[in-house]
N, C-alpha and C. Protein backbone atom coordinates (compact mmCIF):
# COMPACT_ATOMS: atom_id res chain seq x y z
N THR A 1 126.08 73.94 93.32
CA THR A 1 125.86 73.04 92.21
C THR A 1 124.48 73.29 91.65
N LEU A 2 124.39 73.39 90.32
CA LEU A 2 123.11 73.53 89.64
C LEU A 2 122.78 72.21 88.95
N ASN A 3 121.54 71.79 89.07
CA ASN A 3 121.10 70.55 88.45
C ASN A 3 120.06 70.87 87.38
N GLU A 4 120.20 70.19 86.23
CA GLU A 4 119.27 70.44 85.14
C GLU A 4 117.90 69.89 85.48
N ILE A 5 116.87 70.67 85.15
CA ILE A 5 115.49 70.26 85.38
C ILE A 5 115.01 69.57 84.11
N GLY A 6 114.80 68.28 84.16
CA GLY A 6 114.38 67.53 82.97
C GLY A 6 115.57 67.19 82.09
N ASP A 7 115.29 66.41 81.07
CA ASP A 7 116.34 65.99 80.14
C ASP A 7 116.55 67.05 79.07
N ALA A 8 117.78 67.56 78.97
CA ALA A 8 118.18 68.53 77.95
C ALA A 8 117.24 69.72 77.87
N SER A 9 116.72 70.18 79.02
CA SER A 9 115.78 71.30 79.03
C SER A 9 116.50 72.64 78.93
N GLY A 10 117.76 72.68 79.40
CA GLY A 10 118.49 73.94 79.42
C GLY A 10 118.14 74.79 80.63
N PHE A 11 117.29 74.27 81.52
CA PHE A 11 116.92 74.97 82.76
C PHE A 11 117.56 74.26 83.94
N PHE A 12 118.18 75.06 84.80
CA PHE A 12 118.90 74.51 85.94
C PHE A 12 118.39 75.16 87.21
N GLU A 13 118.49 74.43 88.31
CA GLU A 13 118.12 75.01 89.60
C GLU A 13 119.17 74.62 90.64
N GLY A 14 119.26 75.46 91.67
CA GLY A 14 120.17 75.22 92.77
C GLY A 14 119.71 76.06 93.94
N ALA A 15 120.39 75.97 95.05
CA ALA A 15 119.99 76.70 96.24
C ALA A 15 121.20 77.26 96.96
N VAL A 16 121.01 78.42 97.54
CA VAL A 16 122.01 79.04 98.40
C VAL A 16 121.29 79.35 99.70
N GLU A 17 121.86 78.95 100.80
CA GLU A 17 121.23 79.23 102.09
C GLU A 17 121.67 80.59 102.58
N PHE A 18 120.68 81.42 102.97
CA PHE A 18 120.95 82.74 103.52
C PHE A 18 120.93 82.67 105.03
N GLY A 19 121.70 83.51 105.67
CA GLY A 19 121.69 83.59 107.14
C GLY A 19 123.03 84.04 107.66
N GLU A 20 123.11 84.17 108.96
CA GLU A 20 124.33 84.64 109.61
C GLU A 20 125.26 83.50 110.01
N GLU A 21 124.77 82.27 109.93
CA GLU A 21 125.59 81.14 110.34
C GLU A 21 126.69 80.86 109.31
N GLU A 22 127.74 80.18 109.76
CA GLU A 22 128.85 79.84 108.88
C GLU A 22 128.35 78.98 107.72
N GLY A 23 128.83 79.26 106.54
CA GLY A 23 128.45 78.52 105.35
C GLY A 23 127.22 79.07 104.65
N ARG A 24 126.65 80.14 105.21
CA ARG A 24 125.48 80.77 104.60
C ARG A 24 125.85 82.16 104.10
N LEU A 25 125.10 82.64 103.14
CA LEU A 25 125.34 83.95 102.56
C LEU A 25 124.52 85.00 103.29
N LEU A 26 125.17 86.04 103.77
CA LEU A 26 124.49 87.12 104.48
C LEU A 26 124.01 88.16 103.46
N VAL A 27 122.69 88.42 103.45
CA VAL A 27 122.10 89.37 102.52
C VAL A 27 121.27 90.39 103.29
N VAL A 28 120.94 91.49 102.64
CA VAL A 28 120.06 92.50 103.23
C VAL A 28 118.90 92.75 102.27
N ASP A 29 117.76 93.10 102.83
CA ASP A 29 116.59 93.40 102.03
C ASP A 29 116.90 94.53 101.05
N GLN A 30 116.44 94.39 99.83
CA GLN A 30 116.65 95.33 98.73
C GLN A 30 118.09 95.35 98.23
N GLY A 31 118.92 94.43 98.70
CA GLY A 31 120.27 94.28 98.17
C GLY A 31 120.23 93.39 96.94
N SER A 32 121.38 92.91 96.53
CA SER A 32 121.41 91.99 95.39
C SER A 32 122.55 91.00 95.58
N VAL A 33 122.44 89.92 94.86
CA VAL A 33 123.48 88.88 94.85
C VAL A 33 123.89 88.69 93.40
N THR A 34 125.19 88.78 93.15
CA THR A 34 125.70 88.54 91.80
C THR A 34 126.57 87.29 91.85
N VAL A 35 126.30 86.39 90.92
CA VAL A 35 127.07 85.14 90.89
C VAL A 35 127.71 84.98 89.51
N LYS A 36 128.86 84.37 89.52
CA LYS A 36 129.55 84.02 88.27
C LYS A 36 129.60 82.50 88.27
N TYR A 37 129.22 81.92 87.15
CA TYR A 37 129.21 80.46 87.09
C TYR A 37 129.76 79.98 85.76
N SER A 38 130.25 78.74 85.80
CA SER A 38 130.83 78.12 84.61
C SER A 38 129.83 77.14 84.03
N ASP A 39 129.67 77.20 82.73
CA ASP A 39 128.77 76.30 82.01
C ASP A 39 129.66 75.39 81.17
N ALA A 40 129.54 74.09 81.37
CA ALA A 40 130.39 73.14 80.64
C ALA A 40 130.07 73.13 79.14
N ASP A 41 128.83 73.52 78.80
CA ASP A 41 128.45 73.56 77.39
C ASP A 41 127.48 74.73 77.19
N ASP A 42 127.93 75.77 76.51
CA ASP A 42 127.11 76.97 76.32
C ASP A 42 126.10 76.83 75.17
N GLY A 43 125.93 75.64 74.69
CA GLY A 43 125.01 75.39 73.58
C GLY A 43 125.73 75.17 72.26
N SER A 44 126.99 75.58 72.24
CA SER A 44 127.78 75.38 71.01
C SER A 44 128.83 74.29 71.21
N GLY A 45 128.79 73.66 72.39
CA GLY A 45 129.76 72.61 72.69
C GLY A 45 130.98 73.13 73.42
N ASN A 46 131.05 74.45 73.66
CA ASN A 46 132.21 75.06 74.33
C ASN A 46 131.85 75.47 75.75
N PRO A 47 132.83 75.41 76.65
CA PRO A 47 132.58 75.91 78.01
C PRO A 47 132.58 77.44 78.02
N SER A 48 131.80 78.03 78.92
CA SER A 48 131.74 79.49 79.04
C SER A 48 131.50 79.88 80.48
N GLU A 49 131.79 81.15 80.81
CA GLU A 49 131.47 81.70 82.11
C GLU A 49 130.36 82.73 81.93
N PHE A 50 129.42 82.73 82.88
CA PHE A 50 128.29 83.66 82.85
C PHE A 50 128.17 84.35 84.19
N THR A 51 127.52 85.53 84.19
CA THR A 51 127.24 86.28 85.42
C THR A 51 125.74 86.53 85.47
N ALA A 52 125.17 86.35 86.65
CA ALA A 52 123.74 86.62 86.85
C ALA A 52 123.57 87.38 88.17
N THR A 53 122.59 88.29 88.21
CA THR A 53 122.32 89.07 89.41
C THR A 53 120.86 88.88 89.81
N ALA A 54 120.64 88.72 91.10
CA ALA A 54 119.28 88.58 91.64
C ALA A 54 119.08 89.62 92.74
N ARG A 55 117.90 90.27 92.73
CA ARG A 55 117.57 91.25 93.76
C ARG A 55 117.01 90.52 94.97
N ILE A 56 117.39 90.97 96.15
CA ILE A 56 116.91 90.38 97.40
C ILE A 56 115.65 91.13 97.84
N ASP A 57 114.55 90.40 98.03
CA ASP A 57 113.28 90.99 98.46
C ASP A 57 112.76 90.19 99.65
N CYS A 58 112.90 90.76 100.84
CA CYS A 58 112.45 90.09 102.07
C CYS A 58 111.19 90.73 102.64
N SER A 59 110.69 91.80 102.02
CA SER A 59 109.58 92.58 102.57
C SER A 59 108.30 92.35 101.78
N PRO A 60 107.17 92.21 102.49
CA PRO A 60 105.90 92.09 101.78
C PRO A 60 105.48 93.43 101.20
N PRO A 61 104.61 93.42 100.20
CA PRO A 61 104.17 94.68 99.60
C PRO A 61 103.27 95.46 100.55
N GLY A 62 103.54 96.75 100.71
CA GLY A 62 102.68 97.59 101.55
C GLY A 62 101.37 97.87 100.83
N ILE A 63 100.27 97.91 101.58
CA ILE A 63 98.94 98.16 101.03
C ILE A 63 98.45 99.51 101.52
N SER A 64 97.90 100.33 100.60
CA SER A 64 97.39 101.65 100.99
C SER A 64 96.19 102.03 100.13
N GLU A 65 95.55 103.11 100.49
CA GLU A 65 94.45 103.72 99.74
C GLU A 65 93.33 102.74 99.41
N LEU A 66 92.90 101.98 100.41
CA LEU A 66 91.84 100.99 100.25
C LEU A 66 90.48 101.68 100.20
N SER A 67 89.65 101.31 99.20
CA SER A 67 88.29 101.85 99.11
C SER A 67 87.39 100.85 98.39
N VAL A 68 86.08 101.05 98.57
CA VAL A 68 85.08 100.26 97.85
C VAL A 68 84.32 101.24 96.97
N THR A 69 84.26 100.95 95.67
CA THR A 69 83.63 101.86 94.72
C THR A 69 82.58 101.10 93.91
N LYS A 70 81.85 101.83 93.13
CA LYS A 70 80.88 101.26 92.18
C LYS A 70 79.95 100.25 92.86
N LEU A 71 79.42 100.63 94.03
CA LEU A 71 78.48 99.76 94.72
C LEU A 71 77.14 99.75 94.01
N THR A 72 76.63 98.57 93.73
CA THR A 72 75.29 98.41 93.18
C THR A 72 74.54 97.44 94.07
N GLU A 73 73.37 97.00 93.59
CA GLU A 73 72.59 96.02 94.37
C GLU A 73 73.26 94.65 94.40
N SER A 74 74.12 94.34 93.41
CA SER A 74 74.70 92.99 93.34
C SER A 74 76.21 92.96 93.08
N GLU A 75 76.87 94.15 93.02
CA GLU A 75 78.30 94.20 92.74
C GLU A 75 78.99 95.29 93.56
N ALA A 76 80.28 95.10 93.72
CA ALA A 76 81.14 96.12 94.34
C ALA A 76 82.53 95.96 93.76
N VAL A 77 83.27 97.07 93.70
CA VAL A 77 84.65 97.03 93.26
C VAL A 77 85.53 97.46 94.43
N VAL A 78 86.47 96.61 94.81
CA VAL A 78 87.41 96.92 95.89
C VAL A 78 88.71 97.38 95.22
N VAL A 79 89.21 98.55 95.65
CA VAL A 79 90.38 99.17 95.04
C VAL A 79 91.43 99.43 96.10
N TRP A 80 92.71 99.21 95.78
CA TRP A 80 93.81 99.56 96.67
C TRP A 80 95.11 99.63 95.88
N LYS A 81 96.14 100.15 96.52
CA LYS A 81 97.46 100.26 95.91
C LYS A 81 98.47 99.47 96.73
N THR A 82 99.52 98.99 96.03
CA THR A 82 100.66 98.39 96.71
C THR A 82 101.91 99.12 96.24
N GLN A 83 102.97 99.12 97.06
CA GLN A 83 104.16 99.88 96.69
C GLN A 83 105.09 99.09 95.77
N GLU A 84 104.72 97.85 95.47
CA GLU A 84 105.45 97.06 94.47
C GLU A 84 104.43 96.17 93.76
N GLU A 85 104.78 95.66 92.61
CA GLU A 85 103.85 94.81 91.87
C GLU A 85 103.50 93.57 92.68
N ALA A 86 102.21 93.23 92.66
CA ALA A 86 101.72 92.10 93.44
C ALA A 86 100.42 91.59 92.83
N ILE A 87 100.06 90.37 93.19
CA ILE A 87 98.74 89.82 92.88
C ILE A 87 97.85 90.16 94.08
N GLY A 88 96.68 90.72 93.81
CA GLY A 88 95.76 91.09 94.88
C GLY A 88 94.66 90.07 95.05
N ARG A 89 94.21 89.91 96.30
CA ARG A 89 93.17 88.94 96.61
C ARG A 89 92.19 89.54 97.61
N VAL A 90 90.90 89.36 97.35
CA VAL A 90 89.85 89.78 98.26
C VAL A 90 89.09 88.54 98.69
N ARG A 91 89.02 88.31 99.98
CA ARG A 91 88.19 87.23 100.53
C ARG A 91 87.00 87.92 101.18
N PHE A 92 85.78 87.45 100.90
CA PHE A 92 84.60 88.14 101.39
C PHE A 92 83.48 87.17 101.75
N GLY A 93 82.55 87.67 102.54
CA GLY A 93 81.40 86.88 102.96
C GLY A 93 80.50 87.73 103.84
N LYS A 94 79.52 87.10 104.47
CA LYS A 94 78.52 87.83 105.26
C LYS A 94 78.90 87.99 106.72
N SER A 95 80.08 87.55 107.09
CA SER A 95 80.63 87.81 108.43
C SER A 95 82.15 87.71 108.35
N CYS A 96 82.84 88.28 109.33
CA CYS A 96 84.31 88.21 109.33
C CYS A 96 84.80 86.77 109.44
N ALA A 97 84.03 85.96 110.14
CA ALA A 97 84.41 84.55 110.34
C ALA A 97 84.12 83.70 109.10
N ASP A 98 83.37 84.26 108.14
CA ASP A 98 82.95 83.48 106.98
C ASP A 98 83.30 84.19 105.67
N THR A 99 84.58 84.54 105.50
CA THR A 99 85.02 85.17 104.25
C THR A 99 85.56 84.08 103.32
N THR A 100 84.64 83.19 102.91
CA THR A 100 85.05 82.03 102.11
C THR A 100 85.01 82.29 100.61
N LEU A 101 84.32 83.35 100.18
CA LEU A 101 84.31 83.69 98.76
C LEU A 101 85.60 84.43 98.43
N GLU A 102 86.08 84.29 97.19
CA GLU A 102 87.35 84.92 96.84
C GLU A 102 87.32 85.46 95.41
N ALA A 103 87.93 86.62 95.25
CA ALA A 103 88.16 87.21 93.92
C ALA A 103 89.58 87.75 93.94
N ARG A 104 90.24 87.76 92.77
CA ARG A 104 91.63 88.20 92.73
C ARG A 104 91.96 88.86 91.42
N THR A 105 93.08 89.57 91.43
CA THR A 105 93.55 90.17 90.20
C THR A 105 94.20 89.08 89.35
N GLN A 106 94.21 89.27 88.05
CA GLN A 106 94.77 88.27 87.15
C GLN A 106 96.26 88.48 86.90
N ARG A 107 96.71 89.73 87.05
CA ARG A 107 98.12 90.06 86.78
C ARG A 107 98.70 90.85 87.94
N ARG A 108 100.03 90.82 88.03
CA ARG A 108 100.70 91.65 89.03
C ARG A 108 100.53 93.11 88.63
N ALA A 109 100.29 93.96 89.62
CA ALA A 109 100.13 95.39 89.38
C ALA A 109 100.36 96.13 90.69
N MET A 110 100.39 97.44 90.60
CA MET A 110 100.50 98.28 91.80
C MET A 110 99.15 98.93 92.14
N LEU A 111 98.25 99.02 91.16
CA LEU A 111 96.89 99.49 91.39
C LEU A 111 95.97 98.29 91.17
N HIS A 112 95.21 97.96 92.19
CA HIS A 112 94.37 96.76 92.16
C HIS A 112 92.90 97.15 92.17
N GLU A 113 92.12 96.54 91.28
CA GLU A 113 90.67 96.70 91.24
C GLU A 113 90.08 95.31 91.09
N VAL A 114 89.31 94.90 92.11
CA VAL A 114 88.72 93.56 92.09
C VAL A 114 87.21 93.69 92.14
N LEU A 115 86.54 93.11 91.15
CA LEU A 115 85.09 93.15 91.06
C LEU A 115 84.50 91.98 91.84
N LEU A 116 83.59 92.29 92.76
CA LEU A 116 82.86 91.26 93.50
C LEU A 116 81.46 91.19 92.91
N THR A 117 81.02 90.02 92.48
CA THR A 117 79.72 89.88 91.82
C THR A 117 78.85 88.87 92.56
N GLY A 118 77.57 88.84 92.18
CA GLY A 118 76.64 87.87 92.77
C GLY A 118 76.26 88.20 94.20
N LEU A 119 76.36 89.47 94.58
CA LEU A 119 76.06 89.88 95.96
C LEU A 119 74.55 90.04 96.16
N ASP A 120 74.09 89.88 97.38
CA ASP A 120 72.67 90.04 97.71
C ASP A 120 72.35 91.52 97.92
N VAL A 121 71.13 91.90 97.57
CA VAL A 121 70.65 93.28 97.68
C VAL A 121 70.59 93.72 99.15
N GLY A 122 71.05 94.95 99.42
CA GLY A 122 70.93 95.53 100.76
C GLY A 122 71.56 94.70 101.86
N THR A 123 72.70 94.13 101.60
CA THR A 123 73.34 93.21 102.55
C THR A 123 74.72 93.72 102.94
N GLN A 124 75.08 93.52 104.21
CA GLN A 124 76.42 93.88 104.65
C GLN A 124 77.37 92.73 104.33
N TYR A 125 78.49 93.08 103.68
CA TYR A 125 79.52 92.10 103.37
C TYR A 125 80.81 92.51 104.08
N PHE A 126 81.55 91.51 104.51
CA PHE A 126 82.83 91.70 105.18
C PHE A 126 83.92 91.18 104.26
N TYR A 127 85.10 91.82 104.29
CA TYR A 127 86.16 91.40 103.39
C TYR A 127 87.53 91.66 104.00
N THR A 128 88.50 90.90 103.49
CA THR A 128 89.91 91.11 103.83
C THR A 128 90.68 91.22 102.53
N ILE A 129 91.79 91.95 102.58
CA ILE A 129 92.64 92.18 101.41
C ILE A 129 94.01 91.59 101.68
N SER A 130 94.58 90.93 100.66
CA SER A 130 95.98 90.50 100.76
C SER A 130 96.66 90.75 99.42
N ALA A 131 97.97 90.86 99.45
CA ALA A 131 98.77 91.06 98.25
C ALA A 131 100.02 90.19 98.35
N THR A 132 100.36 89.53 97.24
CA THR A 132 101.53 88.64 97.19
C THR A 132 102.47 89.14 96.11
N ASP A 133 103.71 89.45 96.50
CA ASP A 133 104.68 89.96 95.51
C ASP A 133 105.29 88.83 94.70
N THR A 134 106.18 89.18 93.81
CA THR A 134 106.73 88.21 92.85
C THR A 134 107.52 87.07 93.49
N VAL A 135 108.03 87.28 94.70
CA VAL A 135 108.80 86.20 95.34
C VAL A 135 108.01 85.50 96.44
N GLY A 136 106.72 85.85 96.59
CA GLY A 136 105.87 85.14 97.55
C GLY A 136 105.67 85.81 98.88
N ASN A 137 106.23 87.02 99.10
CA ASN A 137 105.97 87.75 100.34
C ASN A 137 104.51 88.20 100.34
N VAL A 138 103.80 87.96 101.45
CA VAL A 138 102.38 88.28 101.54
C VAL A 138 102.14 89.33 102.60
N SER A 139 101.28 90.33 102.28
CA SER A 139 100.84 91.30 103.27
C SER A 139 99.32 91.31 103.30
N ARG A 140 98.77 91.73 104.45
CA ARG A 140 97.33 91.84 104.62
C ARG A 140 97.00 93.25 105.05
N ALA A 141 95.92 93.80 104.48
CA ALA A 141 95.50 95.16 104.83
C ALA A 141 94.99 95.20 106.27
N GLY A 142 95.19 96.34 106.92
CA GLY A 142 94.72 96.50 108.29
C GLY A 142 95.67 95.86 109.27
N GLU A 143 95.33 95.98 110.51
CA GLU A 143 96.17 95.40 111.56
C GLU A 143 95.94 93.90 111.62
N GLY A 144 96.92 93.15 111.20
CA GLY A 144 96.83 91.70 111.24
C GLY A 144 95.81 91.13 110.28
N GLY A 145 95.49 91.86 109.21
CA GLY A 145 94.52 91.36 108.24
C GLY A 145 93.09 91.54 108.71
N SER A 146 92.83 92.63 109.46
CA SER A 146 91.50 92.85 110.01
C SER A 146 90.44 92.96 108.92
N CYS A 147 89.22 92.75 109.32
CA CYS A 147 88.08 92.70 108.42
C CYS A 147 87.47 94.09 108.22
N CYS A 148 87.08 94.41 106.99
CA CYS A 148 86.37 95.65 106.66
C CYS A 148 84.98 95.25 106.18
N SER A 149 84.09 96.25 105.98
CA SER A 149 82.76 95.90 105.49
C SER A 149 82.18 96.99 104.61
N PHE A 150 81.13 96.63 103.86
CA PHE A 150 80.35 97.56 103.05
C PHE A 150 78.94 96.98 102.92
N PHE A 151 77.99 97.83 102.54
CA PHE A 151 76.62 97.40 102.27
C PHE A 151 76.35 97.54 100.78
N THR A 152 75.68 96.55 100.20
CA THR A 152 75.23 96.69 98.82
C THR A 152 74.02 97.63 98.82
N SER A 153 73.71 98.18 97.67
CA SER A 153 72.58 99.11 97.53
C SER A 153 71.26 98.37 97.67
N SER A 154 70.22 99.14 98.02
CA SER A 154 68.86 98.63 98.07
C SER A 154 68.01 99.48 97.15
N PRO A 155 67.00 98.88 96.52
CA PRO A 155 66.12 99.71 95.72
C PRO A 155 65.38 100.67 96.62
N LEU A 156 65.17 101.88 96.17
CA LEU A 156 64.50 102.91 96.96
C LEU A 156 63.22 103.28 96.24
N CYS A 157 62.12 103.13 96.94
CA CYS A 157 60.82 103.53 96.40
C CYS A 157 60.43 104.84 97.06
N HIS A 158 59.99 105.79 96.28
CA HIS A 158 59.65 107.10 96.80
C HIS A 158 58.22 107.43 96.41
N PHE A 159 57.43 107.82 97.39
CA PHE A 159 56.05 108.21 97.14
C PHE A 159 55.84 109.58 97.75
N GLU A 160 55.16 110.43 97.01
CA GLU A 160 54.91 111.77 97.51
C GLU A 160 53.52 112.19 97.07
N ASP A 161 52.76 112.78 97.98
CA ASP A 161 51.43 113.31 97.66
C ASP A 161 51.21 114.53 98.53
N ASP A 162 50.89 115.65 97.90
CA ASP A 162 50.71 116.87 98.68
C ASP A 162 49.30 117.02 99.23
N ILE A 163 48.43 116.06 98.97
CA ILE A 163 47.07 115.99 99.48
C ILE A 163 46.33 117.31 99.24
N GLU A 164 46.34 117.79 98.02
CA GLU A 164 45.66 119.02 97.64
C GLU A 164 44.40 118.67 96.88
N PRO A 165 43.36 119.36 96.86
CA PRO A 165 43.13 120.58 97.66
C PRO A 165 42.74 120.25 99.10
N GLU A 166 42.10 119.08 99.36
CA GLU A 166 41.74 118.69 100.73
C GLU A 166 42.16 117.26 100.94
N PRO A 167 42.52 116.92 102.18
CA PRO A 167 42.86 115.52 102.43
C PRO A 167 41.66 114.62 102.17
N VAL A 168 41.92 113.47 101.59
CA VAL A 168 40.89 112.47 101.39
C VAL A 168 40.62 111.81 102.73
N GLU A 169 39.41 111.41 102.96
CA GLU A 169 39.04 110.79 104.23
C GLU A 169 39.96 109.60 104.52
N GLY A 170 40.48 109.51 105.71
CA GLY A 170 41.37 108.44 106.11
C GLY A 170 42.86 108.80 106.02
N TRP A 171 43.17 109.95 105.35
CA TRP A 171 44.55 110.39 105.22
C TRP A 171 44.83 111.51 106.22
N THR A 172 46.00 111.50 106.78
CA THR A 172 46.43 112.61 107.65
C THR A 172 47.77 113.12 107.18
């Protein structure tokens, strides 16, 4: 049974229970379910039959090719790929136990680039990566969502003197 969401919205929702038990629909990952349903009013006042197909997705998106690029004194870009479209999320902080800062992609994609800003100069940051596909399956990079790290850049001052022709007193 489908129930309309709101008054005269034209949007309906319902549920089918999946599983091996009696009364449930048995599905396999990457399979599909096709349903035929009757609509008492197709919008013109007449009854009609419709068919709809839904893809079954039980697997989280795989994460690969993780890297940190464009490191500066205050920014870093974390890049990775997923094997299906997903929203990417980077949680980061100054220790694995304190990854409370978060940055994420705005749209689903298979190539993810997340800019981390406001970082401290010459500091080690720890981060975790996760990806959520269109149906809510979540994966985490590394074994069990393990923590990775990078260092922001530090300014480098360079001084050089060849002490020619003779060393000045006090210099060696």
